[in-house]
Amino acid sequence: MNLTLSKRFRLQWEPAQNAHVLLYPEGMVQLNPSAAQILLRCDGSREIDALIDDLERAFETTGIGPEVRAFVSHAQQRGWLE
């Protein structure tokens, strides 16, 4: 299953918050840098394993799979991801 941001949300950089945020009709969610990097990659072009591989390459690290999977699960439960 390719991960994609729900159409109900818009991910953008918010200068006033100095952070990426998820905007939706009822409000806004300010994201920490890790959450933003994960959601920026949820563009429908990759599944979870490819997303993890991309993050590990981009940040020259390994072993982040469990944390990324936990965040993706949380984001799906909140309706942020389809």
Protein backbone atom coordinates (compact mmCIF):
# COMPACT_ATOMS: atom_id res chain seq x y z
CA MET A 1 0.00 0.00 0.00
CA ASN A 2 1.49 3.33 -1.09
CA LEU A 3 1.24 6.02 1.56
CA THR A 4 -0.44 9.29 0.72
CA LEU A 5 -1.57 12.31 2.70
CA SER A 6 -5.33 12.50 3.17
CA LYS A 7 -7.03 15.02 0.90
CA ARG A 8 -8.52 16.64 4.02
CA PHE A 9 -5.07 17.89 5.05
CA ARG A 10 -2.48 20.17 3.50
CA LEU A 11 1.17 19.91 4.53
CA GLN A 12 3.11 23.15 4.31
CA TRP A 13 5.95 25.14 5.87
CA GLU A 14 4.59 27.78 8.22
CA PRO A 15 7.13 30.58 8.80
CA ALA A 16 5.23 31.93 11.82
CA GLN A 17 5.57 28.51 13.50
CA ASN A 18 9.04 27.89 12.08
CA ALA A 19 7.81 24.37 11.33
CA HIS A 20 5.88 22.23 8.91
CA VAL A 21 2.20 22.04 9.75
CA LEU A 22 -0.81 20.02 8.70
CA LEU A 23 -3.70 22.33 7.90
CA TYR A 24 -7.30 21.15 7.96
CA PRO A 25 -10.67 22.94 8.15
CA GLU A 26 -10.86 22.73 11.95
CA GLY A 27 -7.32 23.80 12.70
CA MET A 28 -3.63 23.04 12.42
CA VAL A 29 -1.17 20.46 13.71
CA GLN A 30 2.43 21.62 14.19
CA LEU A 31 4.85 18.83 13.28
CA ASN A 32 8.26 18.11 14.70
CA PRO A 33 11.06 17.79 12.09
CA SER A 34 10.97 13.97 12.05
CA ALA A 35 7.20 13.82 11.53
CA ALA A 36 7.46 16.40 8.76
CA GLN A 37 10.17 14.44 6.94
CA ILE A 38 8.04 11.29 7.06
CA LEU A 39 4.88 13.03 5.84
CA LEU A 40 6.73 14.89 3.10
CA ARG A 41 7.56 11.48 1.65
CA CYS A 42 3.95 10.23 1.79
CA ASP A 43 3.20 11.32 -1.76
CA GLY A 44 1.68 8.07 -3.02
CA SER A 45 4.88 6.95 -4.74
CA ARG A 46 6.23 4.56 -2.11
CA GLU A 47 5.28 1.94 0.41
CA ILE A 48 6.49 1.95 4.01
CA ASP A 49 9.69 -0.04 3.37
CA ALA A 50 10.76 2.30 0.56
CA LEU A 51 9.92 5.31 2.73
CA ILE A 52 12.14 3.96 5.53
CA ASP A 53 14.96 3.23 3.06
CA ASP A 54 14.70 6.78 1.70
CA LEU A 55 14.83 8.31 5.19
CA GLU A 56 17.81 6.15 6.20
CA ARG A 57 19.70 7.20 3.07
CA ALA A 58 18.78 10.88 3.42
CA PHE A 59 19.85 11.07 7.05
CA GLU A 60 22.67 8.53 6.88
CA THR A 61 21.27 6.33 9.63
CA THR A 62 19.89 2.83 10.13
CA GLY A 63 17.42 1.11 12.40
CA ILE A 64 14.68 3.75 12.32
CA GLY A 65 12.06 1.37 10.93
CA PRO A 66 10.19 0.74 14.20
CA GLU A 67 9.85 4.45 14.97
CA VAL A 68 8.76 5.28 11.43
CA ARG A 69 6.20 2.45 11.44
CA ALA A 70 4.86 3.64 14.81
CA PHE A 71 4.47 7.19 13.52
CA VAL A 72 2.82 6.04 10.28
CA SER A 73 0.38 3.93 12.30
CA HIS A 74 -0.41 6.95 14.49
CA ALA A 75 -0.87 9.16 11.41
CA GLN A 76 -3.23 6.60 9.87
CA GLN A 77 -5.26 6.42 13.09
CA ARG A 78 -5.53 10.23 13.13
CA GLY A 79 -6.71 10.19 9.50
CA TRP A 80 -3.67 12.06 8.21
CA LEU A 81 -2.75 9.26 5.78
CA GLU A 82 -4.82 7.25 3.34
